[in-house]
Amino acid sequence: MARGPKNHKGGASLRPATETIIPTPGFTVRGSAGRGRGLYTEVPRRQGEELFVVEGKVHTGAYDDDAQVGPTWFGAGHQRWVEPAESNLGRFINHACEPNAAVKDFVHVVAAREIHAGEEITIDYALTEEDPFWSMECRCGAPSCRRTIRAAARFGAPQAR
């Protein structure tokens, strides 16, 4: 199976920081400080509100220390990922150690707290991945930043570390 960069959730080097308007009302993709592009809401979002569903091609493959997967893939179960479609909002969501959104049932992105208009929407990548070999450097800048993100299924919930 063809694989992409090891740090499959993206990063500044993978996406230019130019503003992009995507065809989904209420959302904008634009530059995100030190992280390439990010997904922003144009309207306030309520805690628990579904923001979008990750839709795209499903990939499967064994975990191993040479496995490298796509830069925007979401873990969708054991040895299974969803590669968001080109127009899907999941391609643009960044990681934060103190995220304002969460992924439920592998593909439903929901507001974890109230999100203000103009705020970047972020998730904790550790909670979307179970590949024991996956990790990436974190540049979120949060006071509680873990510096390195690893799959929570393998290493325990991030809050427990």
C-alpha atoms as a PDB file:
ATOM      1  CA  MET A   1       0.000   0.000   0.000  1.00  0.00           C
ATOM      2  CA  ALA A   2       1.346   3.429  -0.860  1.00  0.00           C
ATOM      3  CA  ARG A   3       2.004   5.501   2.210  1.00  0.00           C
ATOM      4  CA  GLY A   4       2.780   9.171   2.763  1.00  0.00           C
ATOM      5  CA  PRO A   5       4.707  11.139   5.418  1.00  0.00           C
ATOM      6  CA  LYS A   6       5.137   9.478   8.841  1.00  0.00           C
ATOM      7  CA  ASN A   7       3.614  12.431  10.691  1.00  0.00           C
ATOM      8  CA  HIS A   8       0.279  11.957   9.010  1.00  0.00           C
ATOM      9  CA  LYS A   9      -1.701  14.735  10.610  1.00  0.00           C
ATOM     10  CA  GLY A  10       0.014  17.504   8.706  1.00  0.00           C
ATOM     11  CA  GLY A  11       2.228  20.388   9.638  1.00  0.00           C
ATOM     12  CA  ALA A  12       3.483  23.718   8.385  1.00  0.00           C
ATOM     13  CA  SER A  13       5.775  22.204   5.772  1.00  0.00           C
ATOM     14  CA  LEU A  14       2.931  20.269   4.143  1.00  0.00           C
ATOM     15  CA  ARG A  15       0.470  23.106   3.561  1.00  0.00           C
ATOM     16  CA  PRO A  16       1.042  26.676   2.357  1.00  0.00           C
ATOM     17  CA  ALA A  17      -0.336  29.383   4.647  1.00  0.00           C
ATOM     18  CA  THR A  18      -2.462  31.131   2.016  1.00  0.00           C
ATOM     19  CA  GLU A  19      -6.117  31.873   2.751  1.00  0.00           C
ATOM     20  CA  THR A  20      -8.584  29.442   1.274  1.00  0.00           C
ATOM     21  CA  ILE A  21     -12.353  29.649   1.318  1.00  0.00           C
ATOM     22  CA  ILE A  22     -13.869  26.175   1.177  1.00  0.00           C
ATOM     23  CA  PRO A  23     -17.380  25.381   0.002  1.00  0.00           C
ATOM     24  CA  THR A  24     -18.823  24.777   3.475  1.00  0.00           C
ATOM     25  CA  PRO A  25     -20.910  27.609   4.920  1.00  0.00           C
ATOM     26  CA  GLY A  26     -19.722  28.841   8.304  1.00  0.00           C
ATOM     27  CA  PHE A  27     -16.078  27.725   7.949  1.00  0.00           C
ATOM     28  CA  THR A  28     -12.896  29.249   6.533  1.00  0.00           C
ATOM     29  CA  VAL A  29      -9.429  27.797   5.991  1.00  0.00           C
ATOM     30  CA  ARG A  30      -6.580  30.260   6.449  1.00  0.00           C
ATOM     31  CA  GLY A  31      -3.094  30.621   7.892  1.00  0.00           C
ATOM     32  CA  SER A  32      -2.489  29.296  11.393  1.00  0.00           C
ATOM     33  CA  ALA A  33       0.491  30.650  13.349  1.00  0.00           C
ATOM     34  CA  GLY A  34       3.392  28.224  12.888  1.00  0.00           C
ATOM     35  CA  ARG A  35       1.142  25.415  11.629  1.00  0.00           C
ATOM     36  CA  GLY A  36       0.413  26.051   7.960  1.00  0.00           C
ATOM     37  CA  ARG A  37      -3.311  26.379   7.422  1.00  0.00           C
ATOM     38  CA  GLY A  38      -6.086  25.832   9.907  1.00  0.00           C
ATOM     39  CA  LEU A  39      -9.857  25.497  10.044  1.00  0.00           C
ATOM     40  CA  TYR A  40     -11.783  28.451  11.517  1.00  0.00           C
ATOM     41  CA  THR A  41     -15.448  28.881  12.353  1.00  0.00           C
ATOM     42  CA  GLU A  42     -17.195  32.006  11.117  1.00  0.00           C
ATOM     43  CA  VAL A  43     -20.076  31.602  13.578  1.00  0.00           C
ATOM     44  CA  PRO A  44     -20.249  30.635  17.272  1.00  0.00           C
ATOM     45  CA  ARG A  45     -20.524  26.888  17.970  1.00  0.00           C
ATOM     46  CA  ARG A  46     -22.243  25.266  20.957  1.00  0.00           C
ATOM     47  CA  GLN A  47     -20.631  22.562  23.084  1.00  0.00           C
ATOM     48  CA  GLY A  48     -21.683  19.178  21.688  1.00  0.00           C
ATOM     49  CA  GLU A  49     -22.607  20.585  18.265  1.00  0.00           C
ATOM     50  CA  GLU A  50     -21.512  18.405  15.354  1.00  0.00           C
ATOM     51  CA  LEU A  51     -19.173  20.507  13.224  1.00  0.00           C
ATOM     52  CA  PHE A  52     -18.643  18.108  10.335  1.00  0.00           C
ATOM     53  CA  VAL A  53     -18.167  14.471   9.370  1.00  0.00           C
ATOM     54  CA  VAL A  54     -14.839  13.226   8.027  1.00  0.00           C
ATOM     55  CA  GLU A  55     -15.600  11.622   4.668  1.00  0.00           C
ATOM     56  CA  GLY A  56     -13.197  10.168   2.157  1.00  0.00           C
ATOM     57  CA  LYS A  57     -11.259   7.090   1.155  1.00  0.00           C
ATOM     58  CA  VAL A  58     -10.765   4.315   3.723  1.00  0.00           C
ATOM     59  CA  HIS A  59      -7.274   2.787   3.964  1.00  0.00           C
ATOM     60  CA  THR A  60      -6.167  -0.311   5.867  1.00  0.00           C
ATOM     61  CA  GLY A  61      -2.718  -1.637   6.676  1.00  0.00           C
ATOM     62  CA  ALA A  62      -0.584  -3.227   9.361  1.00  0.00           C
ATOM     63  CA  TYR A  63       1.171  -1.152  12.002  1.00  0.00           C
ATOM     64  CA  ASP A  64       4.950  -1.389  11.843  1.00  0.00           C
ATOM     65  CA  ASP A  65       7.847   0.937  12.497  1.00  0.00           C
ATOM     66  CA  ASP A  66       8.213   1.604   8.759  1.00  0.00           C
ATOM     67  CA  ALA A  67       4.533   2.386   8.227  1.00  0.00           C
ATOM     68  CA  GLN A  68       3.958   5.891   6.969  1.00  0.00           C
ATOM     69  CA  VAL A  69       0.486   7.165   6.257  1.00  0.00           C
ATOM     70  CA  GLY A  70      -1.058  10.212   4.631  1.00  0.00           C
ATOM     71  CA  PRO A  71      -0.617  13.700   6.100  1.00  0.00           C
ATOM     72  CA  THR A  72      -4.314  14.241   6.859  1.00  0.00           C
ATOM     73  CA  TRP A  73      -5.597  10.750   7.690  1.00  0.00           C
ATOM     74  CA  PHE A  74      -7.835  10.081  10.697  1.00  0.00           C
ATOM     75  CA  GLY A  75      -7.541   6.824  12.626  1.00  0.00           C
ATOM     76  CA  ALA A  76     -10.828   4.951  12.149  1.00  0.00           C
ATOM     77  CA  GLY A  77     -10.255   1.775  14.119  1.00  0.00           C
ATOM     78  CA  HIS A  78      -7.654  -0.952  14.301  1.00  0.00           C
ATOM     79  CA  GLN A  79      -5.256  -0.612  11.323  1.00  0.00           C
ATOM     80  CA  ARG A  80      -7.782   1.568   9.532  1.00  0.00           C
ATOM     81  CA  TRP A  81      -7.757   5.250   8.483  1.00  0.00           C
ATOM     82  CA  VAL A  82      -9.949   7.694   6.588  1.00  0.00           C
ATOM     83  CA  GLU A  83      -8.220  10.014   4.140  1.00  0.00           C
ATOM     84  CA  PRO A  84     -10.474  13.097   4.008  1.00  0.00           C
ATOM     85  CA  ALA A  85     -11.707  14.053   0.529  1.00  0.00           C
ATOM     86  CA  GLU A  86     -10.084  17.154  -1.025  1.00  0.00           C
ATOM     87  CA  SER A  87     -13.052  19.348  -0.054  1.00  0.00           C
ATOM     88  CA  ASN A  88     -13.575  17.809   3.420  1.00  0.00           C
ATOM     89  CA  LEU A  89     -12.928  20.030   6.441  1.00  0.00           C
ATOM     90  CA  GLY A  90     -10.936  17.218   8.086  1.00  0.00           C
ATOM     91  CA  ARG A  91      -8.002  18.009   5.766  1.00  0.00           C
ATOM     92  CA  PHE A  92      -7.492  21.347   7.504  1.00  0.00           C
ATOM     93  CA  ILE A  93      -7.976  20.727  11.228  1.00  0.00           C
ATOM     94  CA  ASN A  94      -4.867  21.195  13.377  1.00  0.00           C
ATOM     95  CA  HIS A  95      -3.808  19.574  16.643  1.00  0.00           C
ATOM     96  CA  ALA A  96      -3.835  21.278  20.023  1.00  0.00           C
ATOM     97  CA  CYS A  97      -3.031  19.810  23.423  1.00  0.00           C
ATOM     98  CA  GLU A  98      -5.974  21.896  24.732  1.00  0.00           C
ATOM     99  CA  PRO A  99      -8.419  21.358  21.829  1.00  0.00           C
ATOM    100  CA  ASN A 100     -11.847  22.921  21.458  1.00  0.00           C
ATOM    101  CA  ALA A 101     -13.260  19.991  19.433  1.00  0.00           C
ATOM    102  CA  ALA A 102     -13.210  16.201  19.636  1.00  0.00           C
ATOM    103  CA  VAL A 103     -13.743  13.246  17.319  1.00  0.00           C
ATOM    104  CA  LYS A 104     -16.596  10.893  18.177  1.00  0.00           C
ATOM    105  CA  ASP A 105     -17.077   7.489  16.537  1.00  0.00           C
ATOM    106  CA  PHE A 106     -13.937   8.021  14.416  1.00  0.00           C
ATOM    107  CA  VAL A 107     -15.462  10.495  11.942  1.00  0.00           C
ATOM    108  CA  HIS A 108     -17.807  12.942  13.727  1.00  0.00           C
ATOM    109  CA  VAL A 109     -16.058  16.164  14.782  1.00  0.00           C
ATOM    110  CA  VAL A 110     -17.965  17.932  17.575  1.00  0.00           C
ATOM    111  CA  ALA A 111     -17.387  21.044  19.663  1.00  0.00           C
ATOM    112  CA  ALA A 112     -15.876  20.014  23.009  1.00  0.00           C
ATOM    113  CA  ARG A 113     -16.693  23.439  24.437  1.00  0.00           C
ATOM    114  CA  GLU A 114     -18.232  26.669  23.217  1.00  0.00           C
ATOM    115  CA  ILE A 115     -16.224  27.926  20.216  1.00  0.00           C
ATOM    116  CA  HIS A 116     -16.300  31.625  19.355  1.00  0.00           C
ATOM    117  CA  ALA A 117     -16.691  33.039  15.837  1.00  0.00           C
ATOM    118  CA  GLY A 118     -13.224  33.498  14.301  1.00  0.00           C
ATOM    119  CA  GLU A 119     -11.617  30.835  16.521  1.00  0.00           C
ATOM    120  CA  GLU A 120      -9.503  28.038  15.019  1.00  0.00           C
ATOM    121  CA  ILE A 121     -11.051  24.595  15.466  1.00  0.00           C
ATOM    122  CA  THR A 122      -8.568  22.052  16.841  1.00  0.00           C
ATOM    123  CA  ILE A 123      -8.570  18.428  17.984  1.00  0.00           C
ATOM    124  CA  ASP A 124      -6.119  16.265  19.929  1.00  0.00           C
ATOM    125  CA  TYR A 125      -4.537  14.018  17.292  1.00  0.00           C
ATOM    126  CA  ALA A 126      -3.486  11.539  20.006  1.00  0.00           C
ATOM    127  CA  LEU A 127      -7.139  10.652  20.476  1.00  0.00           C
ATOM    128  CA  THR A 128      -7.676   9.851  16.789  1.00  0.00           C
ATOM    129  CA  GLU A 129      -4.825   7.390  16.363  1.00  0.00           C
ATOM    130  CA  GLU A 130      -3.924   3.967  17.753  1.00  0.00           C
ATOM    131  CA  ASP A 131      -0.840   3.177  15.634  1.00  0.00           C
ATOM    132  CA  PRO A 132       1.817   2.456  18.299  1.00  0.00           C
ATOM    133  CA  PHE A 133       4.589   3.679  15.979  1.00  0.00           C
ATOM    134  CA  TRP A 134       2.992   7.045  15.185  1.00  0.00           C
ATOM    135  CA  SER A 135       4.183  10.242  16.810  1.00  0.00           C
ATOM    136  CA  MET A 136       4.756  13.834  15.826  1.00  0.00           C
ATOM    137  CA  GLU A 137       6.210  17.022  17.235  1.00  0.00           C
ATOM    138  CA  CYS A 138       3.656  19.414  18.701  1.00  0.00           C
ATOM    139  CA  ARG A 139       3.790  23.163  18.073  1.00  0.00           C
ATOM    140  CA  CYS A 140       0.424  24.128  19.557  1.00  0.00           C
ATOM    141  CA  GLY A 141       1.888  26.573  22.080  1.00  0.00           C
ATOM    142  CA  ALA A 142      -0.549  25.656  24.874  1.00  0.00           C
ATOM    143  CA  PRO A 143       0.751  25.899  28.458  1.00  0.00           C
ATOM    144  CA  SER A 144       0.101  22.143  28.809  1.00  0.00           C
ATOM    145  CA  CYS A 145       1.761  21.266  25.464  1.00  0.00           C
ATOM    146  CA  ARG A 146       3.127  17.709  25.488  1.00  0.00           C
ATOM    147  CA  ARG A 147       5.784  18.550  22.834  1.00  0.00           C
ATOM    148  CA  THR A 148       5.439  15.065  21.288  1.00  0.00           C
ATOM    149  CA  ILE A 149       2.082  13.559  20.395  1.00  0.00           C
ATOM    150  CA  ARG A 150       1.644   9.783  20.517  1.00  0.00           C
ATOM    151  CA  ALA A 151      -1.340   7.529  20.012  1.00  0.00           C
ATOM    152  CA  ALA A 152      -3.423   7.581  23.193  1.00  0.00           C
ATOM    153  CA  ALA A 153      -4.595   3.997  22.640  1.00  0.00           C
ATOM    154  CA  ARG A 154      -1.013   2.825  23.071  1.00  0.00           C
ATOM    155  CA  PHE A 155       0.322   5.295  25.625  1.00  0.00           C
ATOM    156  CA  GLY A 156      -2.741   6.164  27.721  1.00  0.00           C
ATOM    157  CA  ALA A 157      -4.892   9.254  27.685  1.00  0.00           C
ATOM    158  CA  PRO A 158      -2.838  12.451  27.282  1.00  0.00           C
ATOM    159  CA  GLN A 159      -4.239  13.918  30.502  1.00  0.00           C
ATOM    160  CA  ALA A 160      -2.849  10.930  32.428  1.00  0.00           C
ATOM    161  CA  ARG A 161       0.755  11.619  31.434  1.00  0.00           C
END
